Amino acid sequence: MQWYRKAADQGYAPAQVNLGALYAEGHGVSQDFGEALAWYQSCYQGYALAQFNLGVMCITGQGNLKGLCDGLCLVLPRGHSGR
């Protein structure tokens, strides 16, 4: 956990997504959708896995995100983001 946190704090997108997933699932930490949302949003631009995970949170109603349409827009392919 501490290495994910160090890398995520330095802006490393894969660590930010992994940290978000740990909070979303409650693995090694207390489940916290707000914290998961914050980590996913920190690397949302240009990182497809973060976009997908945010979309899933929208569709399933986790965190403060709402709206099936918004969720589907994040999950459905919009082209290659390069990552």
C-alpha atoms as a PDB file:
ATOM      1  CA  MET A   1       0.000   0.000   0.000  1.00  0.00           C
ATOM      2  CA  GLN A   2       2.744   2.461   0.911  1.00  0.00           C
ATOM      3  CA  TRP A   3       4.433   2.069  -2.493  1.00  0.00           C
ATOM      4  CA  TYR A   4       1.182   2.649  -4.359  1.00  0.00           C
ATOM      5  CA  ARG A   5       0.640   5.769  -2.253  1.00  0.00           C
ATOM      6  CA  LYS A   6       4.166   7.095  -2.901  1.00  0.00           C
ATOM      7  CA  ALA A   7       3.893   6.534  -6.652  1.00  0.00           C
ATOM      8  CA  ALA A   8       0.321   7.890  -6.798  1.00  0.00           C
ATOM      9  CA  ASP A   9       1.304  11.024  -4.888  1.00  0.00           C
ATOM     10  CA  GLN A  10       3.972  11.623  -7.532  1.00  0.00           C
ATOM     11  CA  GLY A  11       1.364  11.463 -10.305  1.00  0.00           C
ATOM     12  CA  TYR A  12       2.013   7.944 -11.629  1.00  0.00           C
ATOM     13  CA  ALA A  13      -1.332   7.092 -13.255  1.00  0.00           C
ATOM     14  CA  PRO A  14      -1.167   3.275 -12.936  1.00  0.00           C
ATOM     15  CA  ALA A  15      -0.567   3.606  -9.188  1.00  0.00           C
ATOM     16  CA  GLN A  16      -3.422   6.114  -8.906  1.00  0.00           C
ATOM     17  CA  VAL A  17      -5.816   3.683 -10.614  1.00  0.00           C
ATOM     18  CA  ASN A  18      -4.605   0.777  -8.482  1.00  0.00           C
ATOM     19  CA  LEU A  19      -5.026   2.823  -5.316  1.00  0.00           C
ATOM     20  CA  GLY A  20      -8.527   3.779  -6.437  1.00  0.00           C
ATOM     21  CA  ALA A  21      -9.335   0.121  -7.005  1.00  0.00           C
ATOM     22  CA  LEU A  22      -8.070  -0.816  -3.541  1.00  0.00           C
ATOM     23  CA  TYR A  23     -10.403   1.760  -1.992  1.00  0.00           C
ATOM     24  CA  ALA A  24     -13.322   0.790  -4.239  1.00  0.00           C
ATOM     25  CA  GLU A  25     -13.017  -2.879  -3.313  1.00  0.00           C
ATOM     26  CA  GLY A  26     -11.837  -2.440   0.266  1.00  0.00           C
ATOM     27  CA  HIS A  27      -8.648  -4.453  -0.207  1.00  0.00           C
ATOM     28  CA  GLY A  28      -6.139  -3.594   2.518  1.00  0.00           C
ATOM     29  CA  VAL A  29      -8.109  -0.457   3.424  1.00  0.00           C
ATOM     30  CA  SER A  30     -11.640   0.364   4.491  1.00  0.00           C
ATOM     31  CA  GLN A  31     -13.932   0.549   1.486  1.00  0.00           C
ATOM     32  CA  ASP A  32     -14.300   4.215   0.567  1.00  0.00           C
ATOM     33  CA  PHE A  33     -15.973   5.119  -2.729  1.00  0.00           C
ATOM     34  CA  GLY A  34     -15.190   8.811  -2.253  1.00  0.00           C
ATOM     35  CA  GLU A  35     -11.481   8.072  -1.964  1.00  0.00           C
ATOM     36  CA  ALA A  36     -11.663   5.729  -4.970  1.00  0.00           C
ATOM     37  CA  LEU A  37     -13.415   8.419  -6.964  1.00  0.00           C
ATOM     38  CA  ALA A  38     -10.758  10.984  -6.061  1.00  0.00           C
ATOM     39  CA  TRP A  39      -7.929   8.705  -7.211  1.00  0.00           C
ATOM     40  CA  TYR A  40      -9.676   7.774 -10.469  1.00  0.00           C
ATOM     41  CA  GLN A  41     -10.379  11.429 -11.213  1.00  0.00           C
ATOM     42  CA  SER A  42      -6.761  12.372 -10.562  1.00  0.00           C
ATOM     43  CA  CYS A  43      -5.676  10.437 -13.663  1.00  0.00           C
ATOM     44  CA  TYR A  44      -8.909  10.439 -15.664  1.00  0.00           C
ATOM     45  CA  GLN A  45      -7.579  12.473 -18.607  1.00  0.00           C
ATOM     46  CA  GLY A  46      -5.874  10.185 -21.084  1.00  0.00           C
ATOM     47  CA  TYR A  47      -5.828   7.029 -18.955  1.00  0.00           C
ATOM     48  CA  ALA A  48      -8.376   4.526 -20.239  1.00  0.00           C
ATOM     49  CA  LEU A  49      -8.539   2.314 -17.151  1.00  0.00           C
ATOM     50  CA  ALA A  50      -9.406   5.303 -14.953  1.00  0.00           C
ATOM     51  CA  GLN A  51     -12.114   6.304 -17.432  1.00  0.00           C
ATOM     52  CA  PHE A  52     -13.510   2.772 -17.419  1.00  0.00           C
ATOM     53  CA  ASN A  53     -13.499   2.518 -13.620  1.00  0.00           C
ATOM     54  CA  LEU A  54     -15.261   5.876 -13.307  1.00  0.00           C
ATOM     55  CA  GLY A  55     -17.850   4.655 -15.779  1.00  0.00           C
ATOM     56  CA  VAL A  56     -18.448   1.509 -13.750  1.00  0.00           C
ATOM     57  CA  MET A  57     -18.873   3.628 -10.613  1.00  0.00           C
ATOM     58  CA  CYS A  58     -21.459   5.727 -12.471  1.00  0.00           C
ATOM     59  CA  ILE A  59     -23.403   2.733 -13.714  1.00  0.00           C
ATOM     60  CA  THR A  60     -23.431   0.977 -10.353  1.00  0.00           C
ATOM     61  CA  GLY A  61     -24.204   4.141  -8.387  1.00  0.00           C
ATOM     62  CA  GLN A  62     -21.066   4.056  -6.267  1.00  0.00           C
ATOM     63  CA  GLY A  63     -19.645   7.268  -4.862  1.00  0.00           C
ATOM     64  CA  ASN A  64     -21.157  10.614  -5.734  1.00  0.00           C
ATOM     65  CA  LEU A  65     -21.457   9.849  -9.427  1.00  0.00           C
ATOM     66  CA  LYS A  66     -24.921   9.320 -10.828  1.00  0.00           C
ATOM     67  CA  GLY A  67     -26.415   8.735 -14.224  1.00  0.00           C
ATOM     68  CA  LEU A  68     -26.408   5.747 -16.500  1.00  0.00           C
ATOM     69  CA  CYS A  69     -25.776   7.861 -19.598  1.00  0.00           C
ATOM     70  CA  ASP A  70     -22.702   9.515 -18.111  1.00  0.00           C
ATOM     71  CA  GLY A  71     -21.412   6.114 -17.071  1.00  0.00           C
ATOM     72  CA  LEU A  72     -21.955   4.597 -20.473  1.00  0.00           C
ATOM     73  CA  CYS A  73     -20.193   7.526 -22.133  1.00  0.00           C
ATOM     74  CA  LEU A  74     -17.129   6.779 -20.026  1.00  0.00           C
ATOM     75  CA  VAL A  75     -17.161   3.016 -20.585  1.00  0.00           C
ATOM     76  CA  LEU A  76     -17.968   2.824 -24.291  1.00  0.00           C
ATOM     77  CA  PRO A  77     -14.945   3.134 -26.573  1.00  0.00           C
ATOM     78  CA  ARG A  78     -14.303   6.626 -27.865  1.00  0.00           C
ATOM     79  CA  GLY A  79     -11.111   5.828 -29.701  1.00  0.00           C
ATOM     80  CA  HIS A  80      -7.617   4.999 -28.625  1.00  0.00           C
ATOM     81  CA  SER A  81      -6.352   7.241 -25.822  1.00  0.00           C
ATOM     82  CA  GLY A  82      -2.796   6.005 -26.239  1.00  0.00           C
ATOM     83  CA  ARG A  83      -2.544   4.224 -22.881  1.00  0.00           C
END
